[in-house]
Amino acid sequence: KLQFLYLIGTRLPITMLAGVLLAVATAADVFTKHLLTEYVSEGARCLDGSPGGYYIREGDPSKWAIWNEGGGWCMSPENCLARAGTALGSSTFWGPGVPVAYESWALFDQPEFANFTVAFVRYCDGGSMAGNATQVVNGTTLYYAGAALRVAVMRDLIARHGLLNNSLPADTQTTLLYGGFSAGALTGYLHVDWAGDLLTKLAPTYGKTGGVVVRGFMDAMYSVPSDNVQHQPRFPTQMAWVVSGMNIRAETMNAACAAAHPTALWQCMFGTVVLPYVQAPTFVLNSKYDTWQQVAIIGATDCTTSPPLQCSPYEQGFWTNYTHLLIAAADAAPSRHSIFLTNCATHVLSSHVERYSDLRVGGVTLGAAVAAWWAGAEGQRWIARC
C-alpha cells in the first residue's frame, strides 16, 4: 500500500503545495546539479534572488526531456515572501543531488525514455515559469522571474550539455519531451509550444537539419476553473492574482490561449482551458478524483483521502459533477492529444514503477498507453467513465 504525505496549501502558510509524494527513485542517483549563476545578472532569479537551476542525467544527446518540478504557487505577496525562505523559493536550500521526495522518476525508467538526457528543472519562482516582475514586500525584494529562468535553462542546456549544440550528424533528429508534474505540469501546458518553437528556430544556427520533434507530458493539473462547494471562486481568484501580481502576459504563457482570453488570462492557468491551444501532441495524465484538486479547487475538505473516498452527499455530488466537466473537456480536446483519466484517488500518477503495469483504464495499463502514444498513436482516450 502506498503511503502519502500531503502538504496542502490551505493548511500551510508558506505556499499552496500540490501534494508531495515521498518516493525513492532509481534514476535520481545519476543526476547532478547545475546552478544558473551566470544568468542572475540577466534577471533569472528565484524568488529570493538566488540563481535558479536544474539537475541533469546525461543520456542520448539527440533525445531530451525537460521535466519541471511541482510545488503549487504563491498567491499573495506575503505568501510569496514566506515561500522565498524555502526550497520552493531559494536555491540556497538545494542539496548536491536530486531530492528523493519528488515525483516522476519512474517515467524516465520506462523503456521509451530510459536513454534520454533528462533535465529536472527545480521550481523556485512560484508562478509556473511565467512571471516577469519584482516587488518589495516588508522591505524584501521578491523576484517573479519565471520567464527569465525558463529561457536561462534552455540557453544553458544548449551551451553546456549539447542540446542542439553537439557533434552528431547534421541530419540527426532532435526529440524533446517537455512537461512536468503538478504545478510543473502547468509549466508544461504554458510553455511546451514555446520550447518547440525556440529549438526549431535555433536548429539551423547549430547546423542541424534533421528537424525538431516536441511532445508534452503533463502529469496532473488537468483542472477546471470551477467554484468550490461553498460557491466561491476561491482558486480562480488566487490564480488571477498569480497572473496579475507576477505580470504574466501573453508572451510569457501560451500565446494562443492568451489571445482567446485577453481579459481573463488566468483561465489559461487551468489545464482544461489551455490544452486546446497547445499544438505539441501531449499526453495528459490525471485522476478524476485528484486529491489536491479536492481541497484546493473543490474545497471538499470533509472527504477522506484514503480509498474508498467518503464525503457528505452534497460534496460527493459536487465532486461528481466536477468529474463530468473533466470528462467533457477530455472528449472535446483536439485529436492530437491523448488523455488518460483514472478513478485512482491521488495526485501525480507517474511516480511509481508499479503504476505502469497495475494502473488500468478500460483494460489498458498506463505503461501500454504511454508506449502507444509515444509510438505515434495520437488522439487516444483512456477515460474511466463510471
Protein backbone atom coordinates (compact mmCIF):
# COMPACT_ATOMS: atom_id res chain seq x y z
CA LYS A 1 0.00 0.00 0.00
CA LEU A 2 1.41 3.39 -0.97
CA GLN A 3 1.73 5.91 1.79
CA PHE A 4 1.23 9.60 1.00
CA LEU A 5 2.21 12.82 2.73
CA TYR A 6 0.01 15.72 1.64
CA LEU A 7 1.08 19.30 2.19
CA ILE A 8 -1.97 21.23 1.13
CA GLY A 9 -1.70 24.98 0.70
CA THR A 10 -4.92 25.69 2.51
CA ARG A 11 -3.33 24.31 5.66
CA LEU A 12 0.15 25.79 5.32
CA PRO A 13 1.14 29.47 5.45
CA ILE A 14 4.12 29.32 3.08
CA THR A 15 2.56 28.20 -0.18
CA MET A 16 -0.09 26.17 -1.91
CA LEU A 17 1.88 22.97 -2.27
CA ALA A 18 0.47 20.37 -4.62
CA GLY A 19 0.74 17.06 -2.74
CA VAL A 20 4.29 15.81 -2.36
CA LEU A 21 4.64 12.09 -2.72
CA LEU A 22 7.60 10.60 -0.91
CA ALA A 23 9.17 8.32 -3.49
CA VAL A 24 12.63 6.82 -3.72
CA ALA A 25 13.78 6.73 -7.32
CA THR A 26 16.38 4.68 -9.10
CA ALA A 27 17.00 7.31 -11.76
CA ALA A 28 17.64 10.05 -9.20
CA ASP A 29 21.02 8.60 -8.30
CA VAL A 30 22.62 9.74 -11.57
CA PHE A 31 21.54 13.38 -11.59
CA THR A 32 23.97 16.24 -10.98
CA LYS A 33 23.18 19.84 -10.03
CA HIS A 34 23.82 22.94 -12.14
CA LEU A 35 23.04 26.44 -10.93
CA LEU A 36 22.36 29.26 -13.39
CA THR A 37 24.67 31.69 -11.62
CA GLU A 38 25.86 33.43 -14.78
CA TYR A 39 22.28 34.33 -15.73
CA VAL A 40 21.38 36.14 -12.50
CA SER A 41 22.58 39.45 -13.92
CA GLU A 42 20.11 38.93 -16.78
CA GLY A 43 17.20 38.62 -14.36
CA ALA A 44 16.99 34.84 -13.98
CA ARG A 45 16.47 34.51 -10.24
CA CYS A 46 14.49 32.54 -7.71
CA LEU A 47 12.02 34.42 -5.55
CA ASP A 48 14.76 35.41 -3.10
CA GLY A 49 17.21 36.48 -5.81
CA SER A 50 19.36 33.33 -5.72
CA PRO A 51 20.19 31.57 -9.02
CA GLY A 52 17.80 29.04 -10.47
CA GLY A 53 18.97 25.67 -11.63
CA TYR A 54 18.39 22.11 -12.68
CA TYR A 55 19.66 18.59 -12.17
CA ILE A 56 20.68 16.59 -15.20
CA ARG A 57 21.01 12.93 -16.17
CA GLU A 58 23.21 12.61 -19.23
CA GLY A 59 21.99 10.29 -21.97
CA ASP A 60 21.42 10.28 -25.71
CA PRO A 61 22.31 13.84 -26.90
CA SER A 62 19.55 13.71 -29.52
CA LYS A 63 16.79 12.69 -27.09
CA TRP A 64 15.84 15.09 -24.33
CA ALA A 65 13.32 15.51 -21.55
CA ILE A 66 12.88 18.81 -19.75
CA TRP A 67 10.87 17.95 -16.67
CA ASN A 68 9.53 20.72 -14.45
CA GLU A 69 9.19 20.32 -10.72
CA GLY A 70 5.85 20.82 -8.99
CA GLY A 71 5.06 22.64 -5.79
CA GLY A 72 1.98 24.82 -6.16
CA TRP A 73 2.04 28.61 -6.45
CA CYS A 74 2.39 31.54 -4.11
CA MET A 75 -0.79 33.55 -4.26
CA SER A 76 -0.19 36.78 -2.40
CA PRO A 77 2.81 39.00 -1.67
CA GLU A 78 3.02 37.72 1.90
CA ASN A 79 2.69 34.13 0.73
CA CYS A 80 5.50 34.64 -1.79
CA LEU A 81 7.69 36.23 0.87
CA ALA A 82 7.28 33.16 3.07
CA ARG A 83 7.93 30.85 0.13
CA ALA A 84 11.17 32.69 -0.64
CA GLY A 85 12.55 31.20 2.55
CA THR A 86 12.04 27.62 1.38
CA ALA A 87 13.43 25.30 -1.30
CA LEU A 88 10.50 26.37 -3.49
CA GLY A 89 11.75 29.95 -3.49
CA SER A 90 15.50 29.75 -3.00
CA SER A 91 18.27 27.56 -4.39
CA THR A 92 20.22 28.02 -1.17
CA PHE A 93 18.20 25.11 0.22
CA TRP A 94 19.04 22.69 -2.61
CA GLY A 95 21.43 19.83 -1.98
CA PRO A 96 24.03 18.41 -4.39
CA GLY A 97 21.77 15.64 -5.63
CA VAL A 98 18.16 15.27 -6.63
CA PRO A 99 15.91 15.08 -3.55
CA VAL A 100 14.15 11.74 -3.39
CA ALA A 101 11.00 13.45 -2.10
CA TYR A 102 9.91 14.39 -5.60
CA GLU A 103 7.87 12.55 -8.13
CA SER A 104 8.02 11.02 -11.57
CA TRP A 105 11.41 9.36 -11.81
CA ALA A 106 9.65 6.11 -12.75
CA LEU A 107 8.63 7.73 -16.04
CA PHE A 108 12.27 8.03 -17.07
CA ASP A 109 12.94 4.41 -16.20
CA GLN A 110 10.32 3.33 -18.75
CA PRO A 111 11.72 1.81 -21.99
CA GLU A 112 10.61 4.76 -24.11
CA PHE A 113 12.68 7.26 -22.11
CA ALA A 114 15.36 5.22 -20.33
CA ASN A 115 18.17 6.53 -22.56
CA PHE A 116 17.02 10.17 -22.64
CA THR A 117 19.05 13.06 -21.35
CA VAL A 118 16.79 14.40 -18.60
CA ALA A 119 16.92 17.90 -17.14
CA PHE A 120 14.92 18.14 -13.92
CA VAL A 121 14.18 21.86 -13.57
CA ARG A 122 13.84 22.99 -9.98
CA TYR A 123 10.87 25.22 -9.23
CA CYS A 124 11.68 28.41 -7.35
CA ASP A 125 9.63 31.22 -8.93
CA GLY A 126 6.16 30.33 -7.63
CA GLY A 127 4.45 31.10 -10.96
CA SER A 128 4.97 28.15 -13.32
CA MET A 129 7.92 29.84 -15.04
CA ALA A 130 5.79 32.65 -16.46
CA GLY A 131 6.32 35.71 -14.26
CA ASN A 132 8.18 38.90 -15.13
CA ALA A 133 8.15 41.35 -12.20
CA THR A 134 9.75 42.38 -8.94
CA GLN A 135 8.04 43.51 -5.76
CA VAL A 136 9.21 44.80 -2.40
CA VAL A 137 7.35 43.12 0.46
CA ASN A 138 8.09 44.19 4.03
CA GLY A 139 11.44 45.55 2.90
CA THR A 140 12.45 42.42 0.97
CA THR A 141 12.68 42.35 -2.83
CA LEU A 142 10.93 39.39 -4.42
CA TYR A 143 11.70 38.29 -7.97
CA TYR A 144 8.84 36.88 -10.01
CA ALA A 145 11.28 35.89 -12.74
CA GLY A 146 9.99 32.59 -14.04
CA ALA A 147 10.10 33.67 -17.70
CA ALA A 148 13.78 34.62 -17.44
CA LEU A 149 14.57 31.39 -15.59
CA ARG A 150 12.90 29.33 -18.31
CA VAL A 151 14.98 31.00 -21.02
CA ALA A 152 18.15 30.59 -18.96
CA VAL A 153 17.56 26.85 -18.54
CA MET A 154 17.23 26.37 -22.28
CA ARG A 155 20.28 28.50 -23.05
CA ASP A 156 22.37 26.61 -20.53
CA LEU A 157 21.32 23.20 -21.78
CA ILE A 158 22.38 24.25 -25.27
CA ALA A 159 25.67 25.80 -24.16
CA ARG A 160 26.72 23.25 -21.56
CA HIS A 161 25.06 19.92 -22.33
CA GLY A 162 24.70 19.59 -26.08
CA LEU A 163 21.05 20.29 -26.72
CA LEU A 164 21.33 21.00 -30.47
CA ASN A 165 24.96 22.02 -29.86
CA ASN A 166 26.61 18.60 -30.37
CA SER A 167 28.77 16.64 -32.79
CA LEU A 168 26.01 14.35 -34.05
CA PRO A 169 25.42 14.27 -37.83
CA ALA A 170 23.62 17.33 -39.13
CA ASP A 171 20.58 15.32 -40.22
CA THR A 172 20.03 13.83 -36.75
CA GLN A 173 16.53 14.50 -35.48
CA THR A 174 16.29 16.18 -32.07
CA THR A 175 13.49 14.88 -29.84
CA LEU A 176 12.21 16.75 -26.79
CA LEU A 177 9.70 15.61 -24.19
CA TYR A 178 8.63 18.73 -22.31
CA GLY A 179 6.39 18.69 -19.27
CA GLY A 180 6.26 18.11 -15.56
CA PHE A 181 4.17 17.09 -12.59
CA SER A 182 1.64 19.05 -10.54
CA ALA A 183 2.47 22.76 -10.88
CA GLY A 184 5.22 21.65 -13.25
CA ALA A 185 2.53 20.20 -15.50
CA LEU A 186 1.02 23.67 -15.78
CA THR A 187 4.52 24.87 -16.68
CA GLY A 188 4.39 22.31 -19.46
CA TYR A 189 0.96 23.37 -20.69
CA LEU A 190 2.03 27.01 -20.79
CA HIS A 191 5.45 26.58 -22.42
CA VAL A 192 5.75 23.37 -24.45
CA ASP A 193 4.99 25.19 -27.69
CA TRP A 194 7.48 27.92 -26.79
CA ALA A 195 10.15 25.25 -26.30
CA GLY A 196 9.40 23.68 -29.67
CA ASP A 197 9.37 27.00 -31.49
CA LEU A 198 12.66 28.07 -29.90
CA LEU A 199 14.53 24.86 -30.75
CA THR A 200 13.16 24.83 -34.28
CA LYS A 201 14.33 28.42 -34.75
CA LEU A 202 17.79 27.72 -33.31
CA ALA A 203 18.46 24.38 -35.03
CA PRO A 204 19.96 25.94 -38.22
CA THR A 205 22.33 28.01 -36.07
CA TYR A 206 23.91 24.76 -34.92
CA GLY A 207 23.85 23.18 -38.36
CA LYS A 208 21.00 20.81 -37.53
CA THR A 209 18.79 19.89 -40.48
CA GLY A 210 17.09 16.76 -39.13
CA GLY A 211 14.22 18.63 -37.56
CA VAL A 212 12.95 19.01 -34.01
CA VAL A 213 10.10 16.90 -32.63
CA VAL A 214 8.50 18.13 -29.42
CA ARG A 215 5.82 16.44 -27.34
CA GLY A 216 4.28 17.26 -24.00
CA PHE A 217 3.69 15.05 -20.98
CA MET A 218 1.59 16.64 -18.25
CA ASP A 219 1.02 14.75 -15.00
CA ALA A 220 -1.77 16.46 -13.04
CA MET A 221 -3.22 19.98 -13.21
CA TYR A 222 -5.78 18.96 -15.82
CA SER A 223 -8.23 21.11 -13.89
CA VAL A 224 -11.41 23.12 -14.33
CA PRO A 225 -11.86 26.82 -13.39
CA SER A 226 -14.65 25.98 -11.01
CA ASP A 227 -16.21 27.49 -7.92
CA ASN A 228 -15.79 25.46 -4.76
CA VAL A 229 -18.51 23.71 -2.77
CA GLN A 230 -19.23 26.99 -0.99
CA HIS A 231 -20.00 28.53 -4.43
CA GLN A 232 -16.95 30.79 -4.17
CA PRO A 233 -14.38 31.22 -6.97
CA ARG A 234 -11.56 30.71 -4.48
CA PHE A 235 -8.91 29.08 -6.66
CA PRO A 236 -9.72 31.08 -9.83
CA THR A 237 -9.30 34.25 -7.74
CA GLN A 238 -5.95 33.04 -6.44
CA MET A 239 -4.73 32.22 -9.94
CA ALA A 240 -5.89 35.63 -11.11
CA TRP A 241 -3.52 37.14 -8.53
CA VAL A 242 -0.65 34.97 -9.80
CA VAL A 243 -1.23 36.32 -13.31
CA SER A 244 -1.60 39.97 -12.33
CA GLY A 245 0.81 40.05 -9.40
CA MET A 246 3.62 38.35 -11.32
CA ASN A 247 2.93 40.27 -14.54
CA ILE A 248 2.25 37.14 -16.57
CA ARG A 249 1.48 38.23 -20.12
CA ALA A 250 0.62 36.66 -23.45
CA GLU A 251 4.29 36.49 -24.41
CA THR A 252 5.20 34.63 -21.20
CA MET A 253 2.49 31.95 -21.40
CA ASN A 254 0.65 30.05 -24.14
CA ALA A 255 0.09 32.88 -26.60
CA ALA A 256 -2.84 31.28 -28.42
CA CYS A 257 -4.76 30.75 -25.17
CA ALA A 258 -3.96 34.29 -24.11
CA ALA A 259 -5.28 35.64 -27.40
CA ALA A 260 -8.53 33.76 -26.85
CA HIS A 261 -8.90 35.09 -23.29
CA PRO A 262 -7.41 38.60 -23.45
CA THR A 263 -9.33 39.95 -20.46
CA ALA A 264 -9.05 36.80 -18.34
CA LEU A 265 -5.57 35.36 -18.81
CA TRP A 266 -5.99 33.50 -15.51
CA GLN A 267 -8.23 31.00 -17.27
CA CYS A 268 -5.19 29.74 -19.17
CA MET A 269 -3.74 28.59 -15.84
CA PHE A 270 -6.18 25.66 -15.94
CA GLY A 271 -5.32 22.56 -17.95
CA THR A 272 -8.75 22.03 -19.50
CA VAL A 273 -8.74 25.62 -20.80
CA VAL A 274 -5.20 25.79 -22.19
CA LEU A 275 -4.89 22.27 -23.68
CA PRO A 276 -6.95 23.01 -26.83
CA TYR A 277 -4.43 25.74 -27.72
CA VAL A 278 -1.36 23.54 -27.19
CA GLN A 279 -0.02 22.47 -30.57
CA ALA A 280 2.56 19.91 -29.45
CA PRO A 281 0.99 16.43 -29.18
CA THR A 282 0.55 15.95 -25.46
CA PHE A 283 -0.12 13.06 -23.10
CA VAL A 284 -2.40 14.20 -20.28
CA LEU A 285 -2.32 12.08 -17.12
CA ASN A 286 -4.71 12.84 -14.29
CA SER A 287 -7.01 11.37 -11.71
CA LYS A 288 -10.67 12.26 -11.95
CA TYR A 289 -10.56 12.31 -8.16
CA ASP A 290 -7.36 14.30 -7.79
CA THR A 291 -6.80 14.71 -4.06
CA TRP A 292 -5.07 18.06 -4.49
CA GLN A 293 -7.91 19.48 -6.58
CA GLN A 294 -10.27 18.05 -3.97
CA VAL A 295 -9.04 20.57 -1.39
CA ALA A 296 -7.57 23.46 -3.38
CA ILE A 297 -10.24 23.83 -6.07
CA ILE A 298 -13.33 21.90 -4.98
CA GLY A 299 -12.94 22.61 -1.28
CA ALA A 300 -14.26 19.19 -0.28
CA THR A 301 -12.30 19.17 2.96
CA ASP A 302 -14.65 16.77 4.76
CA CYS A 303 -13.87 13.94 2.36
CA THR A 304 -11.37 11.32 3.44
CA THR A 305 -8.29 10.91 1.24
CA SER A 306 -7.95 7.17 1.79
CA PRO A 307 -9.88 4.90 -0.58
CA PRO A 308 -12.76 4.45 -0.58
CA LEU A 309 -13.43 8.18 -0.53
CA GLN A 310 -16.19 9.15 1.88
CA CYS A 311 -17.85 12.55 1.53
CA SER A 312 -21.04 14.21 2.58
CA PRO A 313 -23.79 13.66 -0.01
CA TYR A 314 -23.53 17.28 -1.14
CA GLU A 315 -19.74 17.19 -1.53
CA GLN A 316 -19.97 13.85 -3.30
CA GLY A 317 -22.47 15.24 -5.77
CA PHE A 318 -20.44 18.40 -6.34
CA TRP A 319 -17.24 16.42 -6.92
CA THR A 320 -19.03 14.01 -9.25
CA ASN A 321 -20.29 16.94 -11.33
CA TYR A 322 -16.72 18.28 -11.43
CA THR A 323 -15.50 14.95 -12.84
CA HIS A 324 -18.17 15.23 -15.55
CA LEU A 325 -16.66 18.57 -16.56
CA LEU A 326 -13.22 16.91 -16.78
CA ILE A 327 -14.58 14.14 -18.98
CA ALA A 328 -16.42 16.58 -21.24
CA ALA A 329 -13.25 18.63 -21.68
CA ALA A 330 -11.22 15.49 -22.44
CA ASP A 331 -13.73 14.33 -25.03
CA ALA A 332 -13.66 17.75 -26.71
CA ALA A 333 -9.87 18.11 -26.70
CA PRO A 334 -8.11 18.16 -30.09
CA SER A 335 -7.27 14.75 -31.51
CA ARG A 336 -3.53 15.47 -31.45
CA HIS A 337 -3.65 14.96 -27.68
CA SER A 338 -4.05 11.69 -25.76
CA ILE A 339 -5.65 11.59 -22.33
CA PHE A 340 -5.54 9.04 -19.51
CA LEU A 341 -8.10 9.78 -16.77
CA THR A 342 -8.34 7.27 -13.95
CA ASN A 343 -10.55 6.88 -10.91
CA CYS A 344 -7.49 6.29 -8.73
CA ALA A 345 -7.83 8.88 -5.97
CA THR A 346 -4.42 10.51 -5.78
CA HIS A 347 -2.34 13.41 -7.06
CA VAL A 348 0.50 12.74 -9.52
CA LEU A 349 0.46 9.33 -11.17
CA SER A 350 3.79 8.90 -12.98
CA SER A 351 5.84 8.40 -9.86
CA HIS A 352 5.87 4.69 -9.04
CA VAL A 353 7.04 1.99 -11.41
CA GLU A 354 4.26 -0.40 -10.43
CA ARG A 355 1.62 2.00 -11.71
CA TYR A 356 2.75 1.44 -15.29
CA SER A 357 1.71 -2.21 -15.02
CA ASP A 358 -1.04 -2.10 -12.40
CA LEU A 359 -3.00 1.09 -13.16
CA ARG A 360 -5.59 0.36 -15.83
CA VAL A 361 -8.39 2.16 -17.63
CA GLY A 362 -10.60 0.03 -19.84
CA GLY A 363 -8.15 -2.85 -19.52
CA VAL A 364 -5.22 -0.76 -20.81
CA THR A 365 -2.31 -0.23 -18.45
CA LEU A 366 -0.68 3.15 -18.01
CA GLY A 367 2.54 1.69 -19.42
CA ALA A 368 0.78 0.43 -22.54
CA ALA A 369 -0.97 3.77 -23.02
CA VAL A 370 2.30 5.72 -22.76
CA ALA A 371 4.01 3.31 -25.14
CA ALA A 372 1.20 3.56 -27.71
CA TRP A 373 1.21 7.34 -27.53
CA TRP A 374 4.96 7.60 -27.87
CA ALA A 375 4.85 5.21 -30.85
CA GLY A 376 2.60 7.69 -32.63
CA ALA A 377 -0.96 6.80 -31.66
CA GLU A 378 -2.35 10.30 -31.18
CA GLY A 379 -5.89 11.11 -30.17
CA GLN A 380 -6.34 8.20 -27.76
CA ARG A 381 -8.77 8.47 -24.86
CA TRP A 382 -8.41 6.18 -21.87
CA ILE A 383 -11.14 7.55 -19.59
CA ALA A 384 -12.76 5.92 -16.60
CA ARG A 385 -16.34 6.98 -17.19
CA CYS A 386 -18.04 5.41 -14.18
